[in-house]
């Protein structure tokens, strides 16, 4: 029997922006807000895959290799709270078309390979806190970090010693946007 792994496709944040987000979060939210996500685990999930066998993982990697997608940028200019799931998130008021296309493509390939995909609309976000089950006072705004995206990755969620960490397994570049104007935010 082949072991399975808990996998997802995601965008990583530049290290400097990750540092800034952690500092901003500490300044804007009290410690009792919820369980903060570790800086090294900040990411934007494109497609959650769940428990994936080695064969399915290989099929998903082969699909991702064939992806033809231009790079894009976005602004992290929104913040919210989903009380039902206990998540405080950082996101965008308007997601760029390239981000939505990339997520849709990966989610459709995941579904074709037997990975359940939620019927809920895709809401691109970075989880700041989990277990935020009480009312949360949200800041009036965010610094509006601008992120240039040049690739995406396949990650494994690994639970060890009472903590979850995300390990990059594979990554793929997105095509250059040379000669084209940046997508509107």
Protein backbone atom coordinates (compact mmCIF):
# COMPACT_ATOMS: atom_id res chain seq x y z
CA UNK A 1 0.00 0.00 0.00
CA UNK A 2 1.30 3.42 -0.98
CA UNK A 3 1.40 6.14 1.65
CA UNK A 4 -0.63 9.26 1.02
CA UNK A 5 0.21 12.85 1.88
CA UNK A 6 -1.94 15.89 2.63
CA UNK A 7 -1.21 18.24 -0.28
CA UNK A 8 -2.17 21.60 -1.73
CA UNK A 9 -1.12 23.96 -4.53
CA UNK A 10 -0.24 27.44 -3.28
CA UNK A 11 1.52 30.73 -3.83
CA UNK A 12 4.33 31.52 -1.44
CA UNK A 13 4.83 35.06 -0.19
CA UNK A 14 8.13 36.89 -0.56
CA UNK A 15 10.03 36.64 2.72
CA UNK A 16 10.08 40.41 3.29
CA UNK A 17 6.30 40.65 2.91
CA UNK A 18 5.84 37.69 5.27
CA UNK A 19 7.90 39.55 7.92
CA UNK A 20 5.84 42.70 7.42
CA UNK A 21 2.55 40.81 7.69
CA UNK A 22 3.63 39.17 10.96
CA UNK A 23 4.64 42.54 12.42
CA UNK A 24 1.38 44.16 11.25
CA UNK A 25 -0.66 41.27 12.68
CA UNK A 26 1.06 41.65 16.08
CA UNK A 27 0.29 45.38 16.08
CA UNK A 28 -3.33 45.05 14.93
CA UNK A 29 -4.70 42.02 16.80
CA UNK A 30 -4.60 41.06 20.48
CA UNK A 31 -2.94 37.75 21.39
CA UNK A 32 -6.28 36.18 22.33
CA UNK A 33 -7.65 36.61 18.78
CA UNK A 34 -6.87 32.98 17.95
CA UNK A 35 -3.99 30.67 17.10
CA UNK A 36 -1.60 32.65 14.86
CA UNK A 37 -0.27 31.00 11.74
CA UNK A 38 3.52 30.72 11.82
CA UNK A 39 5.39 33.04 9.46
CA UNK A 40 6.84 30.10 7.53
CA UNK A 41 3.31 28.80 6.89
CA UNK A 42 1.86 31.97 5.36
CA UNK A 43 0.66 31.19 1.84
CA UNK A 44 -2.26 31.61 -0.52
CA UNK A 45 -3.90 28.26 -1.27
CA UNK A 46 -4.84 27.79 -4.92
CA UNK A 47 -6.27 24.27 -4.66
CA UNK A 48 -6.54 22.06 -1.59
CA UNK A 49 -6.01 18.43 -2.58
CA UNK A 50 -6.47 16.55 0.71
CA UNK A 51 -4.94 13.11 1.26
CA UNK A 52 -3.29 12.17 -2.04
CA UNK A 53 -1.74 8.84 -3.03
CA UNK A 54 1.66 8.74 -4.73
CA UNK A 55 -0.01 7.90 -8.08
CA UNK A 56 -2.40 10.86 -7.86
CA UNK A 57 0.46 13.10 -6.75
CA UNK A 58 2.45 12.13 -9.86
CA UNK A 59 -0.59 12.79 -12.09
CA UNK A 60 -1.08 16.23 -10.51
CA UNK A 61 2.61 17.07 -10.93
CA UNK A 62 2.44 16.03 -14.59
CA UNK A 63 -0.60 18.27 -15.07
CA UNK A 64 1.10 21.24 -13.39
CA UNK A 65 4.16 20.82 -15.63
CA UNK A 66 1.94 21.43 -18.67
CA UNK A 67 0.39 24.64 -17.32
CA UNK A 68 0.82 27.71 -19.52
CA UNK A 69 0.02 30.77 -17.38
CA UNK A 70 1.41 34.29 -17.29
CA UNK A 71 2.68 35.80 -14.07
CA UNK A 72 0.52 38.35 -12.29
CA UNK A 73 0.47 40.66 -9.30
CA UNK A 74 -2.02 41.45 -6.59
CA UNK A 75 -2.53 43.71 -3.59
CA UNK A 76 -3.26 42.38 -0.11
CA UNK A 77 -5.72 45.16 0.68
CA UNK A 78 -8.54 43.46 2.58
CA UNK A 79 -8.97 41.66 5.88
CA UNK A 80 -11.83 39.64 7.29
CA UNK A 81 -13.10 37.02 9.71
CA UNK A 82 -15.03 33.85 8.99
CA UNK A 83 -16.53 33.01 12.39
CA UNK A 84 -17.86 29.62 11.24
CA UNK A 85 -14.40 28.31 10.42
CA UNK A 86 -12.65 30.52 12.99
CA UNK A 87 -10.33 32.06 10.41
CA UNK A 88 -9.02 35.63 10.30
CA UNK A 89 -7.66 36.30 6.82
CA UNK A 90 -5.78 38.78 4.69
CA UNK A 91 -6.91 38.99 1.10
CA UNK A 92 -7.78 41.25 -1.76
CA UNK A 93 -10.77 43.35 -2.67
CA UNK A 94 -10.38 42.43 -6.32
CA UNK A 95 -8.45 39.36 -7.38
CA UNK A 96 -6.59 39.61 -10.69
CA UNK A 97 -7.81 37.48 -13.56
CA UNK A 98 -4.50 35.56 -13.70
CA UNK A 99 -4.87 34.43 -10.09
CA UNK A 100 -8.47 33.30 -10.63
CA UNK A 101 -7.52 31.46 -13.84
CA UNK A 102 -4.59 29.70 -12.17
CA UNK A 103 -6.73 28.56 -9.23
CA UNK A 104 -9.55 27.41 -11.52
CA UNK A 105 -7.16 25.44 -13.72
CA UNK A 106 -5.52 23.71 -10.74
CA UNK A 107 -8.86 23.01 -9.04
CA UNK A 108 -10.28 21.49 -12.23
CA UNK A 109 -7.22 19.23 -12.65
CA UNK A 110 -7.47 18.24 -8.99
CA UNK A 111 -11.14 17.30 -9.43
CA UNK A 112 -10.34 15.30 -12.57
CA UNK A 113 -7.83 13.35 -10.51
CA UNK A 114 -10.33 12.54 -7.77
CA UNK A 115 -9.48 15.30 -5.29
CA UNK A 116 -12.63 16.78 -3.81
CA UNK A 117 -13.02 20.49 -4.53
CA UNK A 118 -15.37 22.62 -2.48
CA UNK A 119 -18.40 23.96 -4.35
CA UNK A 120 -17.91 27.30 -2.56
CA UNK A 121 -16.48 30.11 -4.67
CA UNK A 122 -12.71 30.56 -4.55
CA UNK A 123 -11.81 33.39 -2.16
CA UNK A 124 -8.06 34.01 -2.37
CA UNK A 125 -6.67 34.73 1.08
CA UNK A 126 -3.83 34.20 3.52
CA UNK A 127 -4.86 32.78 6.88
CA UNK A 128 -3.56 34.92 9.75
CA UNK A 129 -5.30 33.14 12.65
CA UNK A 130 -7.11 29.87 13.18
CA UNK A 131 -9.48 29.10 16.06
CA UNK A 132 -10.69 32.71 16.08
CA UNK A 133 -14.11 31.65 17.31
CA UNK A 134 -15.09 34.86 19.14
CA UNK A 135 -15.90 38.26 17.64
CA UNK A 136 -12.81 39.87 16.14
CA UNK A 137 -12.24 43.62 15.83
CA UNK A 138 -10.80 44.07 12.35
CA UNK A 139 -8.37 46.89 11.57
CA UNK A 140 -9.74 49.71 9.38
CA UNK A 141 -7.38 48.79 6.57
CA UNK A 142 -4.20 47.00 5.58
CA UNK A 143 -0.90 48.38 4.29
CA UNK A 144 -1.92 47.01 0.86
CA UNK A 145 1.18 44.93 0.19
CA UNK A 146 1.83 44.39 -3.52
CA UNK A 147 2.89 40.88 -4.47
CA UNK A 148 4.42 39.92 -7.82
CA UNK A 149 3.81 36.28 -8.55
CA UNK A 150 6.23 34.39 -10.74
CA UNK A 151 5.46 30.80 -9.80
CA UNK A 152 3.43 28.40 -7.69
CA UNK A 153 4.18 25.24 -5.76
CA UNK A 154 2.91 21.92 -4.53
CA UNK A 155 3.12 21.65 -0.73
CA UNK A 156 2.73 18.90 1.83
CA UNK A 157 1.14 19.61 5.20
CA UNK A 158 3.20 17.80 7.83
CA UNK A 159 2.11 17.46 11.45
CA UNK A 160 4.98 16.75 13.83
CA UNK A 161 5.58 17.41 17.52
CA UNK A 162 2.23 19.16 17.91
CA UNK A 163 2.84 21.61 15.07
CA UNK A 164 1.98 21.83 11.40
CA UNK A 165 4.55 22.91 8.87
CA UNK A 166 4.32 23.15 5.10
CA UNK A 167 7.00 21.66 2.93
CA UNK A 168 7.51 22.71 -0.68
CA UNK A 169 7.67 19.56 -2.82
CA UNK A 170 7.74 21.02 -6.34
CA UNK A 171 7.48 24.47 -7.85
CA UNK A 172 6.82 25.81 -11.33
CA UNK A 173 7.44 29.20 -12.92
CA UNK A 174 4.77 31.30 -14.54
CA UNK A 175 5.51 32.87 -17.92
CA UNK A 176 6.91 36.38 -18.05
CA UNK A 177 4.55 39.25 -18.79
CA UNK A 178 7.09 41.00 -21.01
CA UNK A 179 5.47 43.56 -23.22
CA UNK A 180 2.19 43.48 -21.34
CA UNK A 181 0.85 45.89 -18.78
CA UNK A 182 0.37 44.55 -15.25
CA UNK A 183 -3.12 43.31 -14.55
CA UNK A 184 -5.32 45.79 -12.75
CA UNK A 185 -5.80 45.17 -9.08
